[in-house]
Amino acid sequence: MSSFDDNHEISDQMLERVIAWAVALGAEGADDCTRHAFELWLQEQPLHRVAWNRLQVVEREFGGLATRRGKSAWTSTLSHYFLRVCNARSA
C-alpha cells in the first residue's frame, strides 16, 4: 500500500459500507448492476479504494472463516478486527 493508504483512518461508517460491499459482491447472484455500482463507489473518492484494499488484506488473513462460521459471524468478527487494525495504523 502507498503512504496515502497507510495514513488515513477508516470511519465506522466507511467500514460498514465496505463490508456491505464485500457481502453483496460475494453473495450468490451478484449481478452486473451490483458490480457496476461498486466500481462507481470505488471511484467516488480515494478513501473508498483504501478501505477496500485494507479489507482485502484482512480477508486474506482470515482465509476461510466465512465458510467455517457463517456470513453473519464472519461479518461481525471481521468488522471488529478490521476497525482495530486500520485505526491502530493511523495512531
PDB file of N, CA and C in Angstrom:
ATOM      1  N   MET A   1       0.829  -1.183   0.000  1.00  0.00           N
ATOM      2  CA  MET A   1       0.000   0.000   0.000  1.00  0.00           C
ATOM      3  C   MET A   1       0.871   1.243   0.000  1.00  0.00           C
ATOM      4  N   SER A   2       0.349   2.284  -0.531  1.00  0.00           N
ATOM      5  CA  SER A   2       1.097   3.529  -0.579  1.00  0.00           C
ATOM      6  C   SER A   2       1.000   4.253   0.754  1.00  0.00           C
ATOM      7  N   SER A   3       1.770   5.335   0.890  1.00  0.00           N
ATOM      8  CA  SER A   3       1.704   6.102   2.127  1.00  0.00           C
ATOM      9  C   SER A   3       0.316   6.719   2.303  1.00  0.00           C
ATOM     10  N   PHE A   4      -0.364   7.045   1.199  1.00  0.00           N
ATOM     11  CA  PHE A   4      -1.740   7.551   1.302  1.00  0.00           C
ATOM     12  C   PHE A   4      -2.606   6.511   1.998  1.00  0.00           C
ATOM     13  N   ASP A   5      -2.466   5.246   1.603  1.00  0.00           N
ATOM     14  CA  ASP A   5      -3.243   4.166   2.195  1.00  0.00           C
ATOM     15  C   ASP A   5      -2.970   4.036   3.679  1.00  0.00           C
ATOM     16  N   ASP A   6      -1.725   4.164   4.063  1.00  0.00           N
ATOM     17  CA  ASP A   6      -1.320   3.938   5.440  1.00  0.00           C
ATOM     18  C   ASP A   6      -1.692   5.071   6.388  1.00  0.00           C
ATOM     19  N   ASN A   7      -1.933   6.253   5.876  1.00  0.00           N
ATOM     20  CA  ASN A   7      -2.101   7.423   6.727  1.00  0.00           C
ATOM     21  C   ASN A   7      -3.542   7.896   6.882  1.00  0.00           C
ATOM     22  N   HIS A   8      -4.509   7.074   6.552  1.00  0.00           N
ATOM     23  CA  HIS A   8      -5.899   7.501   6.655  1.00  0.00           C
ATOM     24  C   HIS A   8      -6.700   6.535   7.512  1.00  0.00           C
ATOM     25  N   GLU A   9      -7.406   7.103   8.460  1.00  0.00           N
ATOM     26  CA  GLU A   9      -8.265   6.314   9.339  1.00  0.00           C
ATOM     27  C   GLU A   9      -9.575   6.015   8.612  1.00  0.00           C
ATOM     28  N   ILE A  10     -10.068   4.823   8.826  1.00  0.00           N
ATOM     29  CA  ILE A  10     -11.335   4.412   8.235  1.00  0.00           C
ATOM     30  C   ILE A  10     -12.417   4.583   9.299  1.00  0.00           C
ATOM     31  N   SER A  11     -13.439   5.369   8.999  1.00  0.00           N
ATOM     32  CA  SER A  11     -14.518   5.605   9.953  1.00  0.00           C
ATOM     33  C   SER A  11     -15.380   4.353  10.097  1.00  0.00           C
ATOM     34  N   ASP A  12     -16.150   4.314  11.169  1.00  0.00           N
ATOM     35  CA  ASP A  12     -17.082   3.195  11.370  1.00  0.00           C
ATOM     36  C   ASP A  12     -18.061   3.104  10.202  1.00  0.00           C
ATOM     37  N   GLN A  13     -18.546   4.252   9.749  1.00  0.00           N
ATOM     38  CA  GLN A  13     -19.496   4.274   8.647  1.00  0.00           C
ATOM     39  C   GLN A  13     -18.864   3.718   7.366  1.00  0.00           C
ATOM     40  N   MET A  14     -17.631   4.113   7.079  1.00  0.00           N
ATOM     41  CA  MET A  14     -16.933   3.609   5.893  1.00  0.00           C
ATOM     42  C   MET A  14     -16.697   2.106   6.035  1.00  0.00           C
ATOM     43  N   LEU A  15     -16.328   1.687   7.226  1.00  0.00           N
ATOM     44  CA  LEU A  15     -16.109   0.268   7.493  1.00  0.00           C
ATOM     45  C   LEU A  15     -17.378  -0.538   7.214  1.00  0.00           C
ATOM     46  N   GLU A  16     -18.492  -0.060   7.716  1.00  0.00           N
ATOM     47  CA  GLU A  16     -19.756  -0.756   7.478  1.00  0.00           C
ATOM     48  C   GLU A  16     -20.081  -0.822   5.990  1.00  0.00           C
ATOM     49  N   ARG A  17     -19.820   0.258   5.279  1.00  0.00           N
ATOM     50  CA  ARG A  17     -20.118   0.293   3.845  1.00  0.00           C
ATOM     51  C   ARG A  17     -19.237  -0.673   3.063  1.00  0.00           C
ATOM     52  N   VAL A  18     -17.945  -0.699   3.351  1.00  0.00           N
ATOM     53  CA  VAL A  18     -17.040  -1.562   2.607  1.00  0.00           C
ATOM     54  C   VAL A  18     -17.349  -3.032   2.896  1.00  0.00           C
ATOM     55  N   ILE A  19     -17.733  -3.348   4.129  1.00  0.00           N
ATOM     56  CA  ILE A  19     -18.117  -4.721   4.448  1.00  0.00           C
ATOM     57  C   ILE A  19     -19.428  -5.074   3.741  1.00  0.00           C
ATOM     58  N   ALA A  20     -20.346  -4.142   3.676  1.00  0.00           N
ATOM     59  CA  ALA A  20     -21.596  -4.390   2.949  1.00  0.00           C
ATOM     60  C   ALA A  20     -21.310  -4.684   1.481  1.00  0.00           C
ATOM     61  N   TRP A  21     -20.370  -3.954   0.891  1.00  0.00           N
ATOM     62  CA  TRP A  21     -19.997  -4.227  -0.498  1.00  0.00           C
ATOM     63  C   TRP A  21     -19.394  -5.624  -0.622  1.00  0.00           C
ATOM     64  N   ALA A  22     -18.545  -6.003   0.303  1.00  0.00           N
ATOM     65  CA  ALA A  22     -17.920  -7.323   0.249  1.00  0.00           C
ATOM     66  C   ALA A  22     -18.969  -8.420   0.320  1.00  0.00           C
ATOM     67  N   VAL A  23     -19.947  -8.248   1.191  1.00  0.00           N
ATOM     68  CA  VAL A  23     -21.014  -9.237   1.319  1.00  0.00           C
ATOM     69  C   VAL A  23     -21.854  -9.265   0.045  1.00  0.00           C
ATOM     70  N   ALA A  24     -22.210  -8.085  -0.466  1.00  0.00           N
ATOM     71  CA  ALA A  24     -23.029  -8.017  -1.682  1.00  0.00           C
ATOM     72  C   ALA A  24     -22.316  -8.636  -2.885  1.00  0.00           C
ATOM     73  N   LEU A  25     -21.036  -8.380  -3.006  1.00  0.00           N
ATOM     74  CA  LEU A  25     -20.285  -8.908  -4.148  1.00  0.00           C
ATOM     75  C   LEU A  25     -19.998 -10.390  -3.999  1.00  0.00           C
ATOM     76  N   GLY A  26     -19.912 -10.861  -2.764  1.00  0.00           N
ATOM     77  CA  GLY A  26     -19.637 -12.265  -2.535  1.00  0.00           C
ATOM     78  C   GLY A  26     -20.884 -13.132  -2.545  1.00  0.00           C
ATOM     79  N   ALA A  27     -22.034 -12.504  -2.470  1.00  0.00           N
ATOM     80  CA  ALA A  27     -23.285 -13.259  -2.440  1.00  0.00           C
ATOM     81  C   ALA A  27     -23.545 -13.909  -3.798  1.00  0.00           C
ATOM     82  N   GLU A  28     -24.202 -15.047  -3.726  1.00  0.00           N
ATOM     83  CA  GLU A  28     -24.587 -15.685  -4.983  1.00  0.00           C
ATOM     84  C   GLU A  28     -25.519 -14.734  -5.725  1.00  0.00           C
ATOM     85  N   GLY A  29     -25.308 -14.623  -7.009  1.00  0.00           N
ATOM     86  CA  GLY A  29     -26.179 -13.800  -7.831  1.00  0.00           C
ATOM     87  C   GLY A  29     -25.825 -12.330  -7.884  1.00  0.00           C
ATOM     88  N   ALA A  30     -24.627 -11.933  -7.438  1.00  0.00           N
ATOM     89  CA  ALA A  30     -24.218 -10.537  -7.598  1.00  0.00           C
ATOM     90  C   ALA A  30     -24.195 -10.252  -9.090  1.00  0.00           C
ATOM     91  N   ASP A  31     -25.055  -9.367  -9.514  1.00  0.00           N
ATOM     92  CA  ASP A  31     -25.217  -9.133 -10.947  1.00  0.00           C
ATOM     93  C   ASP A  31     -24.330  -8.005 -11.460  1.00  0.00           C
ATOM     94  N   ASP A  32     -24.394  -7.784 -12.756  1.00  0.00           N
ATOM     95  CA  ASP A  32     -23.590  -6.736 -13.388  1.00  0.00           C
ATOM     96  C   ASP A  32     -23.907  -5.357 -12.811  1.00  0.00           C
ATOM     97  N   CYS A  33     -25.156  -5.132 -12.487  1.00  0.00           N
ATOM     98  CA  CYS A  33     -25.567  -3.835 -11.934  1.00  0.00           C
ATOM     99  C   CYS A  33     -24.882  -3.597 -10.580  1.00  0.00           C
ATOM    100  N   THR A  34     -24.841  -4.621  -9.737  1.00  0.00           N
ATOM    101  CA  THR A  34     -24.190  -4.509  -8.434  1.00  0.00           C
ATOM    102  C   THR A  34     -22.698  -4.263  -8.603  1.00  0.00           C
ATOM    103  N   ARG A  35     -22.074  -5.014  -9.488  1.00  0.00           N
ATOM    104  CA  ARG A  35     -20.636  -4.834  -9.716  1.00  0.00           C
ATOM    105  C   ARG A  35     -20.333  -3.446 -10.276  1.00  0.00           C
ATOM    106  N   HIS A  36     -21.190  -2.962 -11.165  1.00  0.00           N
ATOM    107  CA  HIS A  36     -21.002  -1.624 -11.737  1.00  0.00           C
ATOM    108  C   HIS A  36     -21.165  -0.549 -10.647  1.00  0.00           C
ATOM    109  N   ALA A  37     -22.172  -0.708  -9.808  1.00  0.00           N
ATOM    110  CA  ALA A  37     -22.389   0.258  -8.715  1.00  0.00           C
ATOM    111  C   ALA A  37     -21.182   0.278  -7.782  1.00  0.00           C
ATOM    112  N   PHE A  38     -20.621  -0.898  -7.520  1.00  0.00           N
ATOM    113  CA  PHE A  38     -19.431  -0.972  -6.676  1.00  0.00           C
ATOM    114  C   PHE A  38     -18.262  -0.231  -7.323  1.00  0.00           C
ATOM    115  N   GLU A  39     -18.040  -0.433  -8.604  1.00  0.00           N
ATOM    116  CA  GLU A  39     -16.950   0.263  -9.306  1.00  0.00           C
ATOM    117  C   GLU A  39     -17.133   1.777  -9.237  1.00  0.00           C
ATOM    118  N   LEU A  40     -18.358   2.235  -9.392  1.00  0.00           N
ATOM    119  CA  LEU A  40     -18.630   3.675  -9.281  1.00  0.00           C
ATOM    120  C   LEU A  40     -18.330   4.172  -7.867  1.00  0.00           C
ATOM    121  N   TRP A  41     -18.710   3.387  -6.867  1.00  0.00           N
ATOM    122  CA  TRP A  41     -18.431   3.751  -5.479  1.00  0.00           C
ATOM    123  C   TRP A  41     -16.929   3.845  -5.239  1.00  0.00           C
ATOM    124  N   LEU A  42     -16.174   2.876  -5.748  1.00  0.00           N
ATOM    125  CA  LEU A  42     -14.715   2.907  -5.597  1.00  0.00           C
ATOM    126  C   LEU A  42     -14.122   4.187  -6.171  1.00  0.00           C
ATOM    127  N   GLN A  43     -14.674   4.655  -7.264  1.00  0.00           N
ATOM    128  CA  GLN A  43     -14.132   5.823  -7.956  1.00  0.00           C
ATOM    129  C   GLN A  43     -14.572   7.154  -7.343  1.00  0.00           C
ATOM    130  N   GLU A  44     -15.564   7.131  -6.464  1.00  0.00           N
ATOM    131  CA  GLU A  44     -16.077   8.374  -5.876  1.00  0.00           C
ATOM    132  C   GLU A  44     -15.013   9.157  -5.111  1.00  0.00           C
ATOM    133  N   GLN A  45     -14.162   8.445  -4.375  1.00  0.00           N
ATOM    134  CA  GLN A  45     -13.103   9.108  -3.615  1.00  0.00           C
ATOM    135  C   GLN A  45     -12.005   8.102  -3.296  1.00  0.00           C
ATOM    136  N   PRO A  46     -10.782   8.565  -3.208  1.00  0.00           N
ATOM    137  CA  PRO A  46      -9.651   7.658  -2.968  1.00  0.00           C
ATOM    138  C   PRO A  46      -9.779   6.838  -1.691  1.00  0.00           C
ATOM    139  N   LEU A  47     -10.409   7.389  -0.666  1.00  0.00           N
ATOM    140  CA  LEU A  47     -10.540   6.661   0.588  1.00  0.00           C
ATOM    141  C   LEU A  47     -11.384   5.393   0.438  1.00  0.00           C
ATOM    142  N   HIS A  48     -12.302   5.371  -0.506  1.00  0.00           N
ATOM    143  CA  HIS A  48     -13.079   4.158  -0.756  1.00  0.00           C
ATOM    144  C   HIS A  48     -12.153   3.020  -1.184  1.00  0.00           C
ATOM    145  N   ARG A  49     -11.244   3.314  -2.072  1.00  0.00           N
ATOM    146  CA  ARG A  49     -10.303   2.290  -2.535  1.00  0.00           C
ATOM    147  C   ARG A  49      -9.364   1.867  -1.404  1.00  0.00           C
ATOM    148  N   VAL A  50      -8.945   2.822  -0.574  1.00  0.00           N
ATOM    149  CA  VAL A  50      -8.096   2.500   0.574  1.00  0.00           C
ATOM    150  C   VAL A  50      -8.826   1.511   1.484  1.00  0.00           C
ATOM    151  N   ALA A  51     -10.074   1.806   1.805  1.00  0.00           N
ATOM    152  CA  ALA A  51     -10.861   0.926   2.675  1.00  0.00           C
ATOM    153  C   ALA A  51     -11.018  -0.451   2.042  1.00  0.00           C
ATOM    154  N   TRP A  52     -11.292  -0.502   0.750  1.00  0.00           N
ATOM    155  CA  TRP A  52     -11.452  -1.773   0.052  1.00  0.00           C
ATOM    156  C   TRP A  52     -10.141  -2.568   0.069  1.00  0.00           C
ATOM    157  N   ASN A  53      -9.034  -1.908  -0.193  1.00  0.00           N
ATOM    158  CA  ASN A  53      -7.738  -2.597  -0.192  1.00  0.00           C
ATOM    159  C   ASN A  53      -7.412  -3.160   1.194  1.00  0.00           C
ATOM    160  N   ARG A  54      -7.701  -2.396   2.231  1.00  0.00           N
ATOM    161  CA  ARG A  54      -7.444  -2.886   3.589  1.00  0.00           C
ATOM    162  C   ARG A  54      -8.325  -4.087   3.905  1.00  0.00           C
ATOM    163  N   LEU A  55      -9.569  -4.043   3.457  1.00  0.00           N
ATOM    164  CA  LEU A  55     -10.462  -5.175   3.681  1.00  0.00           C
ATOM    165  C   LEU A  55      -9.940  -6.423   2.973  1.00  0.00           C
ATOM    166  N   GLN A  56      -9.401  -6.267   1.790  1.00  0.00           N
ATOM    167  CA  GLN A  56      -8.859  -7.417   1.063  1.00  0.00           C
ATOM    168  C   GLN A  56      -7.709  -8.061   1.823  1.00  0.00           C
ATOM    169  N   VAL A  57      -6.868  -7.243   2.442  1.00  0.00           N
ATOM    170  CA  VAL A  57      -5.759  -7.762   3.240  1.00  0.00           C
ATOM    171  C   VAL A  57      -6.305  -8.571   4.420  1.00  0.00           C
ATOM    172  N   VAL A  58      -7.287  -8.018   5.100  1.00  0.00           N
ATOM    173  CA  VAL A  58      -7.870  -8.694   6.253  1.00  0.00           C
ATOM    174  C   VAL A  58      -8.557  -9.990   5.819  1.00  0.00           C
ATOM    175  N   GLU A  59      -9.271  -9.957   4.703  1.00  0.00           N
ATOM    176  CA  GLU A  59      -9.935 -11.165   4.212  1.00  0.00           C
ATOM    177  C   GLU A  59      -8.929 -12.274   3.922  1.00  0.00           C
ATOM    178  N   ARG A  60      -7.797 -11.920   3.357  1.00  0.00           N
ATOM    179  CA  ARG A  60      -6.768 -12.929   3.105  1.00  0.00           C
ATOM    180  C   ARG A  60      -6.261 -13.518   4.421  1.00  0.00           C
ATOM    181  N   GLU A  61      -6.116 -12.662   5.438  1.00  0.00           N
ATOM    182  CA  GLU A  61      -5.651 -13.140   6.742  1.00  0.00           C
ATOM    183  C   GLU A  61      -6.649 -14.101   7.381  1.00  0.00           C
ATOM    184  N   PHE A  62      -7.940 -13.828   7.199  1.00  0.00           N
ATOM    185  CA  PHE A  62      -8.965 -14.669   7.796  1.00  0.00           C
ATOM    186  C   PHE A  62      -9.245 -15.927   6.987  1.00  0.00           C
ATOM    187  N   GLY A  63      -8.821 -15.951   5.748  1.00  0.00           N
ATOM    188  CA  GLY A  63      -8.995 -17.144   4.914  1.00  0.00           C
ATOM    189  C   GLY A  63     -10.423 -17.621   4.832  1.00  0.00           C
ATOM    190  N   GLY A  64     -10.661 -18.848   5.220  1.00  0.00           N
ATOM    191  CA  GLY A  64     -11.964 -19.490   5.077  1.00  0.00           C
ATOM    192  C   GLY A  64     -12.903 -19.297   6.243  1.00  0.00           C
ATOM    193  N   LEU A  65     -12.729 -18.262   7.053  1.00  0.00           N
ATOM    194  CA  LEU A  65     -13.590 -18.062   8.208  1.00  0.00           C
ATOM    195  C   LEU A  65     -15.061 -17.986   7.828  1.00  0.00           C
ATOM    196  N   ALA A  66     -15.379 -17.358   6.712  1.00  0.00           N
ATOM    197  CA  ALA A  66     -16.781 -17.206   6.314  1.00  0.00           C
ATOM    198  C   ALA A  66     -17.456 -18.558   6.134  1.00  0.00           C
ATOM    199  N   THR A  67     -16.782 -19.499   5.520  1.00  0.00           N
ATOM    200  CA  THR A  67     -17.405 -20.798   5.302  1.00  0.00           C
ATOM    201  C   THR A  67     -17.451 -21.622   6.572  1.00  0.00           C
ATOM    202  N   ARG A  68     -16.508 -21.440   7.468  1.00  0.00           N
ATOM    203  CA  ARG A  68     -16.493 -22.220   8.711  1.00  0.00           C
ATOM    204  C   ARG A  68     -17.509 -21.717   9.726  1.00  0.00           C
ATOM    205  N   ARG A  69     -17.744 -20.400   9.763  1.00  0.00           N
ATOM    206  CA  ARG A  69     -18.592 -19.845  10.825  1.00  0.00           C
ATOM    207  C   ARG A  69     -19.868 -19.212  10.316  1.00  0.00           C
ATOM    208  N   GLY A  70     -20.023 -19.025   9.036  1.00  0.00           N
ATOM    209  CA  GLY A  70     -21.214 -18.376   8.501  1.00  0.00           C
ATOM    210  C   GLY A  70     -21.001 -16.887   8.301  1.00  0.00           C
ATOM    211  N   LYS A  71     -21.749 -16.302   7.373  1.00  0.00           N
ATOM    212  CA  LYS A  71     -21.547 -14.902   6.994  1.00  0.00           C
ATOM    213  C   LYS A  71     -21.772 -13.926   8.140  1.00  0.00           C
ATOM    214  N   SER A  72     -22.795 -14.125   8.955  1.00  0.00           N
ATOM    215  CA  SER A  72     -23.064 -13.136   9.984  1.00  0.00           C
ATOM    216  C   SER A  72     -21.964 -13.123  11.042  1.00  0.00           C
ATOM    217  N   ALA A  73     -21.477 -14.279  11.440  1.00  0.00           N
ATOM    218  CA  ALA A  73     -20.362 -14.319  12.387  1.00  0.00           C
ATOM    219  C   ALA A  73     -19.116 -13.735  11.752  1.00  0.00           C
ATOM    220  N   TRP A  74     -18.896 -14.053  10.482  1.00  0.00           N
ATOM    221  CA  TRP A  74     -17.749 -13.526   9.755  1.00  0.00           C
ATOM    222  C   TRP A  74     -17.797 -12.015   9.686  1.00  0.00           C
ATOM    223  N   THR A  75     -18.934 -11.465   9.342  1.00  0.00           N
ATOM    224  CA  THR A  75     -19.056 -10.007   9.207  1.00  0.00           C
ATOM    225  C   THR A  75     -18.805  -9.320  10.541  1.00  0.00           C
ATOM    226  N   SER A  76     -19.362  -9.841  11.617  1.00  0.00           N
ATOM    227  CA  SER A  76     -19.158  -9.250  12.931  1.00  0.00           C
ATOM    228  C   SER A  76     -17.690  -9.319  13.350  1.00  0.00           C
ATOM    229  N   THR A  77     -17.093 -10.487  13.215  1.00  0.00           N
ATOM    230  CA  THR A  77     -15.687 -10.662  13.587  1.00  0.00           C
ATOM    231  C   THR A  77     -14.791  -9.796  12.730  1.00  0.00           C
ATOM    232  N   LEU A  78     -15.035  -9.816  11.442  1.00  0.00           N
ATOM    233  CA  LEU A  78     -14.226  -9.055  10.507  1.00  0.00           C
ATOM    234  C   LEU A  78     -14.322  -7.561  10.774  1.00  0.00           C
ATOM    235  N   SER A  79     -15.516  -7.060  11.035  1.00  0.00           N
ATOM    236  CA  SER A  79     -15.662  -5.618  11.236  1.00  0.00           C
ATOM    237  C   SER A  79     -14.907  -5.164  12.485  1.00  0.00           C
ATOM    238  N   HIS A  80     -14.977  -5.939  13.571  1.00  0.00           N
ATOM    239  CA  HIS A  80     -14.246  -5.561  14.784  1.00  0.00           C
ATOM    240  C   HIS A  80     -12.737  -5.618  14.558  1.00  0.00           C
ATOM    241  N   TYR A  81     -12.272  -6.666  13.919  1.00  0.00           N
ATOM    242  CA  TYR A  81     -10.846  -6.813  13.654  1.00  0.00           C
ATOM    243  C   TYR A  81     -10.350  -5.723  12.707  1.00  0.00           C
ATOM    244  N   PHE A  82     -11.098  -5.486  11.639  1.00  0.00           N
ATOM    245  CA  PHE A  82     -10.731  -4.506  10.627  1.00  0.00           C
ATOM    246  C   PHE A  82     -10.634  -3.110  11.234  1.00  0.00           C
ATOM    247  N   LEU A  83     -11.602  -2.748  12.040  1.00  0.00           N
ATOM    248  CA  LEU A  83     -11.588  -1.429  12.671  1.00  0.00           C
ATOM    249  C   LEU A  83     -10.371  -1.281  13.573  1.00  0.00           C
ATOM    250  N   ARG A  84     -10.083  -2.290  14.373  1.00  0.00           N
ATOM    251  CA  ARG A  84      -8.934  -2.249  15.270  1.00  0.00           C
ATOM    252  C   ARG A  84      -7.621  -2.126  14.508  1.00  0.00           C
ATOM    253  N   VAL A  85      -7.452  -2.920  13.447  1.00  0.00           N
ATOM    254  CA  VAL A  85      -6.224  -2.899  12.671  1.00  0.00           C
ATOM    255  C   VAL A  85      -6.051  -1.567  11.941  1.00  0.00           C
ATOM    256  N   CYS A  86      -7.087  -1.131  11.283  1.00  0.00           N
ATOM    257  CA  CYS A  86      -6.984   0.097  10.485  1.00  0.00           C
ATOM    258  C   CYS A  86      -6.738   1.318  11.345  1.00  0.00           C
ATOM    259  N   ASN A  87      -7.420   1.408  12.455  1.00  0.00           N
ATOM    260  CA  ASN A  87      -7.265   2.579  13.302  1.00  0.00           C
ATOM    261  C   ASN A  87      -5.943   2.542  14.074  1.00  0.00           C
ATOM    262  N   ALA A  88      -5.423   1.373  14.367  1.00  0.00           N
ATOM    263  CA  ALA A  88      -4.121   1.272  15.029  1.00  0.00           C
ATOM    264  C   ALA A  88      -3.017   1.771  14.118  1.00  0.00           C
ATOM    265  N   ARG A  89      -3.168   1.548  12.831  1.00  0.00           N
ATOM    266  CA  ARG A  89      -2.153   2.005  11.867  1.00  0.00           C
ATOM    267  C   ARG A  89      -2.034   3.510  11.840  1.00  0.00           C
ATOM    268  N   SER A  90      -3.163   4.189  12.002  1.00  0.00           N
ATOM    269  CA  SER A  90      -3.126   5.639  11.880  1.00  0.00           C
ATOM    270  C   SER A  90      -2.822   6.328  13.216  1.00  0.00           C
ATOM    271  N   ALA A  91      -2.745   5.550  14.280  1.00  0.00           N
ATOM    272  CA  ALA A  91      -2.469   6.139  15.612  1.00  0.00           C
ATOM    273  C   ALA A  91      -1.012   6.529  15.752  1.00  0.00           C
TER     274      ALA A  91
END
